[in-house]
PDB file of N, CA and C in Angstrom:
ATOM      1  N   MET A   1       0.842  -1.175   0.000  1.00  0.00           N
ATOM      2  CA  MET A   1       0.000   0.000   0.000  1.00  0.00           C
ATOM      3  C   MET A   1       0.894   1.248   0.000  1.00  0.00           C
ATOM      4  N   LEU A   2       0.553   2.191  -0.868  1.00  0.00           N
ATOM      5  CA  LEU A   2       1.335   3.413  -0.977  1.00  0.00           C
ATOM      6  C   LEU A   2       0.839   4.433   0.039  1.00  0.00           C
ATOM      7  N   ARG A   3       1.792   5.108   0.639  1.00  0.00           N
ATOM      8  CA  ARG A   3       1.440   6.161   1.590  1.00  0.00           C
ATOM      9  C   ARG A   3       2.097   7.446   1.107  1.00  0.00           C
ATOM     10  N   PHE A   4       1.299   8.478   1.023  1.00  0.00           N
ATOM     11  CA  PHE A   4       1.802   9.774   0.588  1.00  0.00           C
ATOM     12  C   PHE A   4       1.751  10.739   1.760  1.00  0.00           C
ATOM     13  N   THR A   5       2.796  11.506   1.907  1.00  0.00           N
ATOM     14  CA  THR A   5       2.815  12.533   2.945  1.00  0.00           C
ATOM     15  C   THR A   5       2.330  13.845   2.340  1.00  0.00           C
ATOM     16  N   ILE A   6       2.087  14.804   3.178  1.00  0.00           N
ATOM     17  CA  ILE A   6       1.679  16.133   2.698  1.00  0.00           C
ATOM     18  C   ILE A   6       2.784  16.734   1.840  1.00  0.00           C
ATOM     19  N   ARG A   7       4.029  16.485   2.205  1.00  0.00           N
ATOM     20  CA  ARG A   7       5.154  16.999   1.428  1.00  0.00           C
ATOM     21  C   ARG A   7       5.130  16.437   0.001  1.00  0.00           C
ATOM     22  N   ASP A   8       4.818  15.174  -0.154  1.00  0.00           N
ATOM     23  CA  ASP A   8       4.733  14.572  -1.480  1.00  0.00           C
ATOM     24  C   ASP A   8       3.627  15.216  -2.313  1.00  0.00           C
ATOM     25  N   VAL A   9       2.506  15.448  -1.689  1.00  0.00           N
ATOM     26  CA  VAL A   9       1.377  16.074  -2.395  1.00  0.00           C
ATOM     27  C   VAL A   9       1.723  17.500  -2.786  1.00  0.00           C
ATOM     28  N   LEU A  10       2.386  18.238  -1.911  1.00  0.00           N
ATOM     29  CA  LEU A  10       2.792  19.608  -2.238  1.00  0.00           C
ATOM     30  C   LEU A  10       3.785  19.631  -3.390  1.00  0.00           C
ATOM     31  N   TRP A  11       4.750  18.701  -3.402  1.00  0.00           N
ATOM     32  CA  TRP A  11       5.692  18.624  -4.516  1.00  0.00           C
ATOM     33  C   TRP A  11       4.963  18.312  -5.827  1.00  0.00           C
ATOM     34  N   LEU A  12       4.000  17.432  -5.761  1.00  0.00           N
ATOM     35  CA  LEU A  12       3.225  17.106  -6.953  1.00  0.00           C
ATOM     36  C   LEU A  12       2.477  18.333  -7.456  1.00  0.00           C
ATOM     37  N   MET A  13       1.906  19.121  -6.536  1.00  0.00           N
ATOM     38  CA  MET A  13       1.201  20.339  -6.931  1.00  0.00           C
ATOM     39  C   MET A  13       2.138  21.345  -7.582  1.00  0.00           C
ATOM     40  N   VAL A  14       3.354  21.461  -7.067  1.00  0.00           N
ATOM     41  CA  VAL A  14       4.336  22.385  -7.649  1.00  0.00           C
ATOM     42  C   VAL A  14       4.710  21.941  -9.061  1.00  0.00           C
ATOM     43  N   VAL A  15       4.956  20.673  -9.223  1.00  0.00           N
ATOM     44  CA  VAL A  15       5.333  20.157 -10.549  1.00  0.00           C
ATOM     45  C   VAL A  15       4.197  20.365 -11.542  1.00  0.00           C
ATOM     46  N   VAL A  16       2.970  20.085 -11.146  1.00  0.00           N
ATOM     47  CA  VAL A  16       1.819  20.264 -12.041  1.00  0.00           C
ATOM     48  C   VAL A  16       1.624  21.741 -12.361  1.00  0.00           C
ATOM     49  N   ALA A  17       1.768  22.626 -11.375  1.00  0.00           N
ATOM     50  CA  ALA A  17       1.606  24.063 -11.614  1.00  0.00           C
ATOM     51  C   ALA A  17       2.656  24.586 -12.589  1.00  0.00           C
ATOM     52  N   VAL A  18       3.892  24.170 -12.432  1.00  0.00           N
ATOM     53  CA  VAL A  18       4.957  24.607 -13.352  1.00  0.00           C
ATOM     54  C   VAL A  18       4.690  24.077 -14.759  1.00  0.00           C
ATOM     55  N   ALA A  19       4.271  22.840 -14.867  1.00  0.00           N
ATOM     56  CA  ALA A  19       3.989  22.256 -16.177  1.00  0.00           C
ATOM     57  C   ALA A  19       2.834  22.989 -16.870  1.00  0.00           C
ATOM     58  N   ILE A  20       1.778  23.302 -16.127  1.00  0.00           N
ATOM     59  CA  ILE A  20       0.634  24.017 -16.717  1.00  0.00           C
ATOM     60  C   ILE A  20       1.051  25.426 -17.121  1.00  0.00           C
ATOM     61  N   GLY A  21       1.840  26.097 -16.291  1.00  0.00           N
ATOM     62  CA  GLY A  21       2.321  27.440 -16.635  1.00  0.00           C
ATOM     63  C   GLY A  21       3.170  27.435 -17.891  1.00  0.00           C
ATOM     64  N   TRP A  22       4.065  26.475 -17.991  1.00  0.00           N
ATOM     65  CA  TRP A  22       4.900  26.375 -19.196  1.00  0.00           C
ATOM     66  C   TRP A  22       4.050  26.093 -20.425  1.00  0.00           C
ATOM     67  N   TRP A  23       3.088  25.200 -20.294  1.00  0.00           N
ATOM     68  CA  TRP A  23       2.248  24.806 -21.426  1.00  0.00           C
ATOM     69  C   TRP A  23       1.406  25.978 -21.926  1.00  0.00           C
ATOM     70  N   THR A  24       0.792  26.748 -21.003  1.00  0.00           N
ATOM     71  CA  THR A  24      -0.031  27.885 -21.429  1.00  0.00           C
ATOM     72  C   THR A  24       0.828  28.973 -22.073  1.00  0.00           C
ATOM     73  N   THR A  25       2.021  29.196 -21.541  1.00  0.00           N
ATOM     74  CA  THR A  25       2.912  30.195 -22.134  1.00  0.00           C
ATOM     75  C   THR A  25       3.347  29.765 -23.536  1.00  0.00           C
ATOM     76  N   ALA A  26       3.657  28.506 -23.699  1.00  0.00           N
ATOM     77  CA  ALA A  26       4.072  28.006 -25.012  1.00  0.00           C
ATOM     78  C   ALA A  26       2.944  28.130 -26.029  1.00  0.00           C
ATOM     79  N   ARG A  27       1.718  27.836 -25.625  1.00  0.00           N
ATOM     80  CA  ARG A  27       0.579  27.964 -26.541  1.00  0.00           C
ATOM     81  C   ARG A  27       0.344  29.414 -26.924  1.00  0.00           C
ATOM     82  N   ARG A  28       0.425  30.318 -25.960  1.00  0.00           N
ATOM     83  CA  ARG A  28       0.216  31.738 -26.232  1.00  0.00           C
ATOM     84  C   ARG A  28       1.298  32.266 -27.165  1.00  0.00           C
ATOM     85  N   LEU A  29       2.538  31.868 -26.935  1.00  0.00           N
ATOM     86  CA  LEU A  29       3.638  32.300 -27.796  1.00  0.00           C
ATOM     87  C   LEU A  29       3.472  31.766 -29.214  1.00  0.00           C
ATOM     88  N   GLN A  30       3.021  30.538 -29.354  1.00  0.00           N
ATOM     89  CA  GLN A  30       2.794  29.961 -30.679  1.00  0.00           C
ATOM     90  C   GLN A  30       1.684  30.702 -31.412  1.00  0.00           C
ATOM     91  N   ALA A  31       0.636  31.081 -30.693  1.00  0.00           N
ATOM     92  CA  ALA A  31      -0.464  31.820 -31.313  1.00  0.00           C
ATOM     93  C   ALA A  31       0.011  33.192 -31.803  1.00  0.00           C
ATOM     94  N   VAL A  32       0.816  33.875 -31.014  1.00  0.00           N
ATOM     95  CA  VAL A  32       1.346  35.180 -31.419  1.00  0.00           C
ATOM     96  C   VAL A  32       2.268  35.028 -32.617  1.00  0.00           C
ATOM     97  N   THR A  33       3.112  34.006 -32.609  1.00  0.00           N
ATOM     98  CA  THR A  33       4.018  33.761 -33.729  1.00  0.00           C
ATOM     99  C   THR A  33       3.243  33.494 -35.010  1.00  0.00           C
ATOM    100  N   ASN A  34       2.194  32.699 -34.932  1.00  0.00           N
ATOM    101  CA  ASN A  34       1.372  32.421 -36.115  1.00  0.00           C
ATOM    102  C   ASN A  34       0.713  33.687 -36.639  1.00  0.00           C
ATOM    103  N   THR A  35       0.215  34.538 -35.735  1.00  0.00           N
ATOM    104  CA  THR A  35      -0.430  35.779 -36.145  1.00  0.00           C
ATOM    105  C   THR A  35       0.563  36.706 -36.837  1.00  0.00           C
ATOM    106  N   VAL A  36       1.741  36.859 -36.254  1.00  0.00           N
ATOM    107  CA  VAL A  36       2.752  37.741 -36.844  1.00  0.00           C
ATOM    108  C   VAL A  36       3.199  37.219 -38.201  1.00  0.00           C
ATOM    109  N   THR A  37       3.377  35.921 -38.324  1.00  0.00           N
ATOM    110  CA  THR A  37       3.791  35.328 -39.597  1.00  0.00           C
ATOM    111  C   THR A  37       2.730  35.572 -40.667  1.00  0.00           C
ATOM    112  N   THR A  38       1.475  35.387 -40.318  1.00  0.00           N
ATOM    113  CA  THR A  38       0.390  35.607 -41.273  1.00  0.00           C
ATOM    114  C   THR A  38       0.319  37.070 -41.683  1.00  0.00           C
ATOM    115  N   GLU A  39       0.409  37.987 -40.709  1.00  0.00           N
ATOM    116  CA  GLU A  39       0.355  39.413 -41.036  1.00  0.00           C
ATOM    117  C   GLU A  39       1.540  39.832 -41.901  1.00  0.00           C
ATOM    118  N   ARG A  40       2.710  39.272 -41.646  1.00  0.00           N
ATOM    119  CA  ARG A  40       3.881  39.598 -42.469  1.00  0.00           C
ATOM    120  C   ARG A  40       3.702  39.102 -43.894  1.00  0.00           C
ATOM    121  N   GLN A  41       3.138  37.911 -44.067  1.00  0.00           N
ATOM    122  CA  GLN A  41       2.890  37.390 -45.412  1.00  0.00           C
ATOM    123  C   GLN A  41       1.906  38.285 -46.156  1.00  0.00           C
ATOM    124  N   ILE A  42       0.874  38.744 -45.476  1.00  0.00           N
ATOM    125  CA  ILE A  42      -0.109  39.648 -46.100  1.00  0.00           C
ATOM    126  C   ILE A  42       0.571  40.953 -46.483  1.00  0.00           C
ATOM    127  N   TYR A  43       1.376  41.512 -45.578  1.00  0.00           N
ATOM    128  CA  TYR A  43       2.079  42.758 -45.859  1.00  0.00           C
ATOM    129  C   TYR A  43       2.992  42.618 -47.072  1.00  0.00           C
ATOM    130  N   LEU A  44       3.755  41.528 -47.136  1.00  0.00           N
ATOM    131  CA  LEU A  44       4.666  41.338 -48.270  1.00  0.00           C
ATOM    132  C   LEU A  44       3.910  41.176 -49.575  1.00  0.00           C
ATOM    133  N   GLU A  45       2.759  40.525 -49.530  1.00  0.00           N
ATOM    134  CA  GLU A  45       1.947  40.363 -50.735  1.00  0.00           C
ATOM    135  C   GLU A  45       1.388  41.712 -51.204  1.00  0.00           C
ATOM    136  N   ILE A  46       0.969  42.540 -50.263  1.00  0.00           N
ATOM    137  CA  ILE A  46       0.475  43.874 -50.618  1.00  0.00           C
ATOM    138  C   ILE A  46       1.605  44.717 -51.193  1.00  0.00           C
ATOM    139  N   GLU A  47       2.776  44.673 -50.568  1.00  0.00           N
ATOM    140  CA  GLU A  47       3.919  45.433 -51.081  1.00  0.00           C
ATOM    141  C   GLU A  47       4.299  44.985 -52.487  1.00  0.00           C
ATOM    142  N   ARG A  48       4.274  43.684 -52.741  1.00  0.00           N
ATOM    143  CA  ARG A  48       4.594  43.177 -54.073  1.00  0.00           C
ATOM    144  C   ARG A  48       3.588  43.690 -55.097  1.00  0.00           C
ATOM    145  N   ALA A  49       2.302  43.642 -54.742  1.00  0.00           N
ATOM    146  CA  ALA A  49       1.258  44.116 -55.666  1.00  0.00           C
ATOM    147  C   ALA A  49       1.403  45.610 -55.921  1.00  0.00           C
ATOM    148  N   LEU A  50       1.713  46.378 -54.890  1.00  0.00           N
ATOM    149  CA  LEU A  50       1.895  47.818 -55.068  1.00  0.00           C
ATOM    150  C   LEU A  50       3.106  48.111 -55.937  1.00  0.00           C
ATOM    151  N   ASN A  51       4.193  47.390 -55.730  1.00  0.00           N
ATOM    152  CA  ASN A  51       5.394  47.617 -56.544  1.00  0.00           C
ATOM    153  C   ASN A  51       5.147  47.286 -58.008  1.00  0.00           C
ATOM    154  N   GLU A  52       4.316  46.296 -58.286  1.00  0.00           N
ATOM    155  CA  GLU A  52       3.980  45.985 -59.677  1.00  0.00           C
ATOM    156  C   GLU A  52       3.207  47.132 -60.326  1.00  0.00           C
ATOM    157  N   GLU A  53       2.464  47.887 -59.531  1.00  0.00           N
ATOM    158  CA  GLU A  53       1.708  49.031 -60.042  1.00  0.00           C
ATOM    159  C   GLU A  53       2.513  50.323 -60.004  1.00  0.00           C
ATOM    160  N   GLY A  54       3.754  50.259 -59.512  1.00  0.00           N
ATOM    161  CA  GLY A  54       4.578  51.457 -59.444  1.00  0.00           C
ATOM    162  C   GLY A  54       4.274  52.307 -58.227  1.00  0.00           C
ATOM    163  N   ARG A  55       3.845  51.697 -57.153  1.00  0.00           N
ATOM    164  CA  ARG A  55       3.521  52.435 -55.935  1.00  0.00           C
ATOM    165  C   ARG A  55       4.264  51.839 -54.747  1.00  0.00           C
ATOM    166  N   TYR A  56       4.317  52.611 -53.667  1.00  0.00           N
ATOM    167  CA  TYR A  56       4.918  52.132 -52.434  1.00  0.00           C
ATOM    168  C   TYR A  56       4.282  52.868 -51.262  1.00  0.00           C
ATOM    169  N   THR A  57       4.581  52.438 -50.066  1.00  0.00           N
ATOM    170  CA  THR A  57       4.015  53.063 -48.877  1.00  0.00           C
ATOM    171  C   THR A  57       5.120  53.684 -48.042  1.00  0.00           C
ATOM    172  N   THR A  58       4.755  54.739 -47.315  1.00  0.00           N
ATOM    173  CA  THR A  58       5.655  55.337 -46.331  1.00  0.00           C
ATOM    174  C   THR A  58       4.903  55.433 -45.019  1.00  0.00           C
ATOM    175  N   ALA A  59       5.596  55.212 -43.936  1.00  0.00           N
ATOM    176  CA  ALA A  59       4.976  55.270 -42.618  1.00  0.00           C
ATOM    177  C   ALA A  59       5.551  56.446 -41.845  1.00  0.00           C
ATOM    178  N   ALA A  60       4.673  57.151 -41.157  1.00  0.00           N
ATOM    179  CA  ALA A  60       5.101  58.272 -40.326  1.00  0.00           C
ATOM    180  C   ALA A  60       5.186  57.810 -38.878  1.00  0.00           C
ATOM    181  N   GLY A  61       5.805  58.616 -38.055  1.00  0.00           N
ATOM    182  CA  GLY A  61       5.973  58.268 -36.656  1.00  0.00           C
ATOM    183  C   GLY A  61       4.671  58.225 -35.875  1.00  0.00           C
ATOM    184  N   ASN A  62       3.629  58.890 -36.377  1.00  0.00           N
ATOM    185  CA  ASN A  62       2.352  58.916 -35.661  1.00  0.00           C
ATOM    186  C   ASN A  62       1.456  57.733 -36.025  1.00  0.00           C
ATOM    187  N   GLY A  63       1.959  56.810 -36.822  1.00  0.00           N
ATOM    188  CA  GLY A  63       1.193  55.617 -37.175  1.00  0.00           C
ATOM    189  C   GLY A  63       0.461  55.708 -38.498  1.00  0.00           C
ATOM    190  N   SER A  64       0.494  56.865 -39.147  1.00  0.00           N
ATOM    191  CA  SER A  64      -0.197  56.994 -40.431  1.00  0.00           C
ATOM    192  C   SER A  64       0.658  56.398 -41.547  1.00  0.00           C
ATOM    193  N   VAL A  65      -0.011  55.907 -42.574  1.00  0.00           N
ATOM    194  CA  VAL A  65       0.667  55.312 -43.726  1.00  0.00           C
ATOM    195  C   VAL A  65       0.175  56.026 -44.973  1.00  0.00           C
ATOM    196  N   LYS A  66       1.101  56.406 -45.835  1.00  0.00           N
ATOM    197  CA  LYS A  66       0.745  57.100 -47.074  1.00  0.00           C
ATOM    198  C   LYS A  66       1.094  56.227 -48.260  1.00  0.00           C
ATOM    199  N   LEU A  67       0.223  56.236 -49.253  1.00  0.00           N
ATOM    200  CA  LEU A  67       0.448  55.514 -50.495  1.00  0.00           C
ATOM    201  C   LEU A  67       1.027  56.489 -51.499  1.00  0.00           C
ATOM    202  N   ARG A  68       2.180  56.164 -52.042  1.00  0.00           N
ATOM    203  CA  ARG A  68       2.858  57.064 -52.978  1.00  0.00           C
ATOM    204  C   ARG A  68       3.148  56.334 -54.280  1.00  0.00           C
ATOM    205  N   SER A  69       3.391  57.122 -55.301  1.00  0.00           N
ATOM    206  CA  SER A  69       3.740  56.585 -56.604  1.00  0.00           C
ATOM    207  C   SER A  69       5.205  56.887 -56.878  1.00  0.00           C
ATOM    208  N   PHE A  70       5.875  56.019 -57.609  1.00  0.00           N
ATOM    209  CA  PHE A  70       7.269  56.264 -57.961  1.00  0.00           C
ATOM    210  C   PHE A  70       7.395  57.473 -58.879  1.00  0.00           C
ATOM    211  N   ASP A  71       6.308  57.866 -59.526  1.00  0.00           N
ATOM    212  CA  ASP A  71       6.347  58.992 -60.444  1.00  0.00           C
ATOM    213  C   ASP A  71       6.051  60.326 -59.767  1.00  0.00           C
ATOM    214  N   ASP A  72       5.706  60.324 -58.462  1.00  0.00           N
ATOM    215  CA  ASP A  72       5.431  61.575 -57.752  1.00  0.00           C
ATOM    216  C   ASP A  72       6.696  62.415 -57.692  1.00  0.00           C
ATOM    217  N   PRO A  73       6.567  63.726 -57.890  1.00  0.00           N
ATOM    218  CA  PRO A  73       7.758  64.575 -57.798  1.00  0.00           C
ATOM    219  C   PRO A  73       8.298  64.578 -56.371  1.00  0.00           C
ATOM    220  N   GLY A  74       9.586  64.517 -56.263  1.00  0.00           N
ATOM    221  CA  GLY A  74      10.224  64.553 -54.956  1.00  0.00           C
ATOM    222  C   GLY A  74      10.371  63.199 -54.294  1.00  0.00           C
ATOM    223  N   THR A  75       9.835  62.175 -54.906  1.00  0.00           N
ATOM    224  CA  THR A  75       9.944  60.854 -54.286  1.00  0.00           C
ATOM    225  C   THR A  75      11.028  60.012 -54.925  1.00  0.00           C
ATOM    226  N   ARG A  76      11.462  60.404 -56.105  1.00  0.00           N
ATOM    227  CA  ARG A  76      12.494  59.640 -56.788  1.00  0.00           C
ATOM    228  C   ARG A  76      13.863  60.067 -56.269  1.00  0.00           C
ATOM    229  N   ILE A  77      14.698  59.117 -55.964  1.00  0.00           N
ATOM    230  CA  ILE A  77      16.038  59.411 -55.457  1.00  0.00           C
ATOM    231  C   ILE A  77      17.002  59.411 -56.645  1.00  0.00           C
ATOM    232  N   ASP A  78      17.692  60.513 -56.803  1.00  0.00           N
ATOM    233  CA  ASP A  78      18.679  60.631 -57.882  1.00  0.00           C
ATOM    234  C   ASP A  78      20.063  60.512 -57.283  1.00  0.00           C
ATOM    235  N   PRO A  79      20.764  59.412 -57.533  1.00  0.00           N
ATOM    236  CA  PRO A  79      22.079  59.230 -56.906  1.00  0.00           C
ATOM    237  C   PRO A  79      23.135  60.188 -57.461  1.00  0.00           C
ATOM    238  N   PHE A  80      22.856  60.800 -58.613  1.00  0.00           N
ATOM    239  CA  PHE A  80      23.839  61.692 -59.238  1.00  0.00           C
ATOM    240  C   PHE A  80      23.537  63.161 -58.964  1.00  0.00           C
ATOM    241  N   ALA A  81      22.502  63.419 -58.164  1.00  0.00           N
ATOM    242  CA  ALA A  81      22.162  64.813 -57.860  1.00  0.00           C
ATOM    243  C   ALA A  81      23.254  65.415 -56.994  1.00  0.00           C
ATOM    244  N   ALA A  82      23.493  66.691 -57.205  1.00  0.00           N
ATOM    245  CA  ALA A  82      24.521  67.390 -56.426  1.00  0.00           C
ATOM    246  C   ALA A  82      24.028  67.566 -54.990  1.00  0.00           C
ATOM    247  N   LYS A  83      24.928  67.271 -54.061  1.00  0.00           N
ATOM    248  CA  LYS A  83      24.577  67.437 -52.644  1.00  0.00           C
ATOM    249  C   LYS A  83      24.778  68.887 -52.261  1.00  0.00           C
ATOM    250  N   LYS A  84      23.852  69.385 -51.464  1.00  0.00           N
ATOM    251  CA  LYS A  84      23.944  70.804 -51.051  1.00  0.00           C
ATOM    252  C   LYS A  84      24.517  70.902 -49.669  1.00  0.00           C
TER     253      LYS A  84
END
């Protein structure tokens, strides 16, 4: 017949609590990773489609995003322009 002391039961509770904590953290991290991967794939697909149309996006520090065209004046970079 097996006899368990209170100390044995407490150790079992600690082991189970640590295992559950690790498992929930791992699941949450996997869910976030999947979301970020999906959003990045969508972003890259949008950027590719915009580049095929001759457009691109710029982001400002306040969170706004602007859609620009490569043909807009002032947006084309001229590597041979004289520096002032």
